[in-house]
Amino acid sequence: METHEAGDRVAAVVSGQVDLDTEQTLHGALRDALRRSVSGVDLDLGAVDFCDCSGLNVLLCVRRRALEDGKVLALGATAPAVRRLLALTETGSLFGPAEAAARSAPRGRRDADDGV
């Protein structure tokens, strides 16, 4: 995963496979990107050639943490494998564009780093 600052957000680009073997690495990298951001992370999954339920679980966990912190995890480009998984699980709407998601995010930050 590659990241760079993009204003008050962090842009992250993931490539390759997102599965049981890579979930911990992705989870840690996304949590770090979320910590470094002011308002959230814009995630590009356009170069992901495989994503299973482990990858979806990471996205959902990091999304929950982002919302708890008053931030947003937003998906930009998504590869066909990711779109299919999001469609099958009916979770795609949880990761809308950054502008739309920011309007629905609760305000407030958590002080403790306990969990997701």
C-alpha atoms as a PDB file:
ATOM      1  CA  MET A   1       0.000   0.000   0.000  1.00  0.00           C
ATOM      2  CA  GLU A   2       1.247   3.451  -0.894  1.00  0.00           C
ATOM      3  CA  THR A   3       0.006   6.585   0.855  1.00  0.00           C
ATOM      4  CA  HIS A   4       0.423  10.335   0.519  1.00  0.00           C
ATOM      5  CA  GLU A   5      -1.059  13.376   2.187  1.00  0.00           C
ATOM      6  CA  ALA A   6      -3.923  14.985   0.254  1.00  0.00           C
ATOM      7  CA  GLY A   7      -4.958  18.111   2.123  1.00  0.00           C
ATOM      8  CA  ASP A   8      -6.619  17.078   5.377  1.00  0.00           C
ATOM      9  CA  ARG A   9      -6.967  13.497   4.129  1.00  0.00           C
ATOM     10  CA  VAL A  10      -4.596  10.662   3.328  1.00  0.00           C
ATOM     11  CA  ALA A  11      -4.819   9.007  -0.078  1.00  0.00           C
ATOM     12  CA  ALA A  12      -3.999   5.285  -0.070  1.00  0.00           C
ATOM     13  CA  VAL A  13      -3.489   3.011  -3.067  1.00  0.00           C
ATOM     14  CA  VAL A  14      -3.676  -0.763  -2.565  1.00  0.00           C
ATOM     15  CA  SER A  15      -2.591  -3.291  -5.175  1.00  0.00           C
ATOM     16  CA  GLY A  16      -2.323  -7.065  -5.422  1.00  0.00           C
ATOM     17  CA  GLN A  17      -4.291  -9.504  -3.308  1.00  0.00           C
ATOM     18  CA  VAL A  18      -6.241  -8.687  -0.167  1.00  0.00           C
ATOM     19  CA  ASP A  19      -6.835 -11.922   1.702  1.00  0.00           C
ATOM     20  CA  LEU A  20      -6.066 -13.815   4.893  1.00  0.00           C
ATOM     21  CA  ASP A  21      -2.326 -13.582   4.218  1.00  0.00           C
ATOM     22  CA  THR A  22      -2.327  -9.782   3.801  1.00  0.00           C
ATOM     23  CA  GLU A  23      -5.157  -8.617   6.057  1.00  0.00           C
ATOM     24  CA  GLN A  24      -3.011  -7.746   9.086  1.00  0.00           C
ATOM     25  CA  THR A  25      -0.602  -5.712   6.985  1.00  0.00           C
ATOM     26  CA  LEU A  26      -3.459  -3.839   5.321  1.00  0.00           C
ATOM     27  CA  HIS A  27      -5.245  -3.272   8.618  1.00  0.00           C
ATOM     28  CA  GLY A  28      -2.120  -1.784  10.204  1.00  0.00           C
ATOM     29  CA  ALA A  29      -1.370   0.413   7.204  1.00  0.00           C
ATOM     30  CA  LEU A  30      -4.932   1.735   7.028  1.00  0.00           C
ATOM     31  CA  ARG A  31      -5.007   2.420  10.769  1.00  0.00           C
ATOM     32  CA  ASP A  32      -1.752   4.356  10.421  1.00  0.00           C
ATOM     33  CA  ALA A  33      -3.144   6.346   7.489  1.00  0.00           C
ATOM     34  CA  LEU A  34      -6.292   7.082   9.484  1.00  0.00           C
ATOM     35  CA  ARG A  35      -4.227   8.316  12.454  1.00  0.00           C
ATOM     36  CA  ARG A  36      -2.213  10.636  10.197  1.00  0.00           C
ATOM     37  CA  SER A  37      -5.298  12.163   8.601  1.00  0.00           C
ATOM     38  CA  VAL A  38      -7.438  15.012   9.856  1.00  0.00           C
ATOM     39  CA  SER A  39     -10.688  13.987   8.170  1.00  0.00           C
ATOM     40  CA  GLY A  40     -10.122  10.481   6.807  1.00  0.00           C
ATOM     41  CA  VAL A  41      -8.693   8.245   4.123  1.00  0.00           C
ATOM     42  CA  ASP A  42      -9.458   8.050   0.404  1.00  0.00           C
ATOM     43  CA  LEU A  43      -8.813   4.464  -0.638  1.00  0.00           C
ATOM     44  CA  ASP A  44      -8.011   3.404  -4.204  1.00  0.00           C
ATOM     45  CA  LEU A  45      -8.560  -0.330  -4.725  1.00  0.00           C
ATOM     46  CA  GLY A  46      -8.381  -0.178  -8.523  1.00  0.00           C
ATOM     47  CA  ALA A  47      -5.296  -2.410  -8.692  1.00  0.00           C
ATOM     48  CA  VAL A  48      -6.556  -5.130  -6.336  1.00  0.00           C
ATOM     49  CA  ASP A  49      -6.835  -8.365  -8.308  1.00  0.00           C
ATOM     50  CA  PHE A  50      -8.359 -10.445  -5.496  1.00  0.00           C
ATOM     51  CA  CYS A  51     -10.273  -9.575  -2.333  1.00  0.00           C
ATOM     52  CA  ASP A  52     -11.993 -12.024  -0.002  1.00  0.00           C
ATOM     53  CA  CYS A  53     -14.022 -11.657   3.197  1.00  0.00           C
ATOM     54  CA  SER A  54     -10.822 -11.018   5.172  1.00  0.00           C
ATOM     55  CA  GLY A  55     -10.249  -7.886   3.136  1.00  0.00           C
ATOM     56  CA  LEU A  56     -13.861  -6.821   3.532  1.00  0.00           C
ATOM     57  CA  ASN A  57     -13.568  -7.284   7.286  1.00  0.00           C
ATOM     58  CA  VAL A  58     -10.541  -4.962   7.346  1.00  0.00           C
ATOM     59  CA  LEU A  59     -12.460  -2.314   5.408  1.00  0.00           C
ATOM     60  CA  LEU A  60     -15.458  -2.564   7.722  1.00  0.00           C
ATOM     61  CA  CYS A  61     -13.311  -2.424  10.883  1.00  0.00           C
ATOM     62  CA  VAL A  62     -11.331   0.577   9.686  1.00  0.00           C
ATOM     63  CA  ARG A  63     -14.540   2.286   8.538  1.00  0.00           C
ATOM     64  CA  ARG A  64     -16.035   1.812  11.991  1.00  0.00           C
ATOM     65  CA  ARG A  65     -12.945   3.247  13.635  1.00  0.00           C
ATOM     66  CA  ALA A  66     -12.941   6.196  11.238  1.00  0.00           C
ATOM     67  CA  LEU A  67     -16.551   7.016  12.067  1.00  0.00           C
ATOM     68  CA  GLU A  68     -15.847   6.733  15.801  1.00  0.00           C
ATOM     69  CA  ASP A  69     -13.048   9.262  15.309  1.00  0.00           C
ATOM     70  CA  GLY A  70     -15.267  11.611  13.278  1.00  0.00           C
ATOM     71  CA  LYS A  71     -13.488  10.673  10.067  1.00  0.00           C
ATOM     72  CA  VAL A  72     -14.424   8.929   6.828  1.00  0.00           C
ATOM     73  CA  LEU A  73     -13.012   5.938   4.936  1.00  0.00           C
ATOM     74  CA  ALA A  74     -14.051   6.533   1.331  1.00  0.00           C
ATOM     75  CA  LEU A  75     -13.499   4.285  -1.681  1.00  0.00           C
ATOM     76  CA  GLY A  76     -12.445   5.744  -4.978  1.00  0.00           C
ATOM     77  CA  ALA A  77     -11.465   3.356  -7.759  1.00  0.00           C
ATOM     78  CA  THR A  78     -12.388  -0.274  -7.172  1.00  0.00           C
ATOM     79  CA  ALA A  79     -11.317  -3.275  -9.203  1.00  0.00           C
ATOM     80  CA  PRO A  80     -13.934  -5.765 -10.481  1.00  0.00           C
ATOM     81  CA  ALA A  81     -13.050  -8.252  -7.702  1.00  0.00           C
ATOM     82  CA  VAL A  82     -13.721  -5.615  -5.049  1.00  0.00           C
ATOM     83  CA  ARG A  83     -16.922  -4.365  -6.700  1.00  0.00           C
ATOM     84  CA  ARG A  84     -18.230  -7.928  -6.874  1.00  0.00           C
ATOM     85  CA  LEU A  85     -17.536  -8.541  -3.177  1.00  0.00           C
ATOM     86  CA  LEU A  86     -19.163  -5.252  -2.184  1.00  0.00           C
ATOM     87  CA  ALA A  87     -22.184  -6.030  -4.364  1.00  0.00           C
ATOM     88  CA  LEU A  88     -22.601  -9.580  -3.030  1.00  0.00           C
ATOM     89  CA  THR A  89     -22.422  -8.374   0.571  1.00  0.00           C
ATOM     90  CA  GLU A  90     -24.464  -5.217  -0.109  1.00  0.00           C
ATOM     91  CA  THR A  91     -21.825  -3.114   1.657  1.00  0.00           C
ATOM     92  CA  GLY A  92     -20.786  -0.822  -1.190  1.00  0.00           C
ATOM     93  CA  SER A  93     -23.005   2.017  -0.019  1.00  0.00           C
ATOM     94  CA  LEU A  94     -21.068   2.160   3.256  1.00  0.00           C
ATOM     95  CA  PHE A  95     -18.025   3.427   1.374  1.00  0.00           C
ATOM     96  CA  GLY A  96     -19.376   6.325  -0.653  1.00  0.00           C
ATOM     97  CA  PRO A  97     -17.360   9.171  -2.110  1.00  0.00           C
ATOM     98  CA  ALA A  98     -15.495  11.281   0.434  1.00  0.00           C
ATOM     99  CA  GLU A  99     -17.779  14.289   0.054  1.00  0.00           C
ATOM    100  CA  ALA A 100     -20.989  12.341   0.694  1.00  0.00           C
ATOM    101  CA  ALA A 101     -19.527  10.267   3.500  1.00  0.00           C
ATOM    102  CA  ALA A 102     -18.147  13.316   5.300  1.00  0.00           C
ATOM    103  CA  ARG A 103     -21.628  14.793   5.610  1.00  0.00           C
ATOM    104  CA  SER A 104     -22.875  11.702   7.448  1.00  0.00           C
ATOM    105  CA  ALA A 105     -19.871  11.133   9.728  1.00  0.00           C
ATOM    106  CA  PRO A 106     -20.425  11.756  13.433  1.00  0.00           C
ATOM    107  CA  ARG A 107     -18.231  14.374  15.078  1.00  0.00           C
ATOM    108  CA  GLY A 108     -15.812  13.767  17.912  1.00  0.00           C
ATOM    109  CA  ARG A 109     -12.624  11.831  18.461  1.00  0.00           C
ATOM    110  CA  ARG A 110     -11.850   8.950  20.741  1.00  0.00           C
ATOM    111  CA  ASP A 111      -8.988   9.523  23.139  1.00  0.00           C
ATOM    112  CA  ALA A 112      -7.957   5.922  23.578  1.00  0.00           C
ATOM    113  CA  ASP A 113      -6.534   3.692  20.888  1.00  0.00           C
ATOM    114  CA  ASP A 114      -8.372   0.589  22.033  1.00  0.00           C
ATOM    115  CA  GLY A 115      -9.505  -1.752  19.349  1.00  0.00           C
ATOM    116  CA  VAL A 116     -10.067  -1.469  15.682  1.00  0.00           C
END
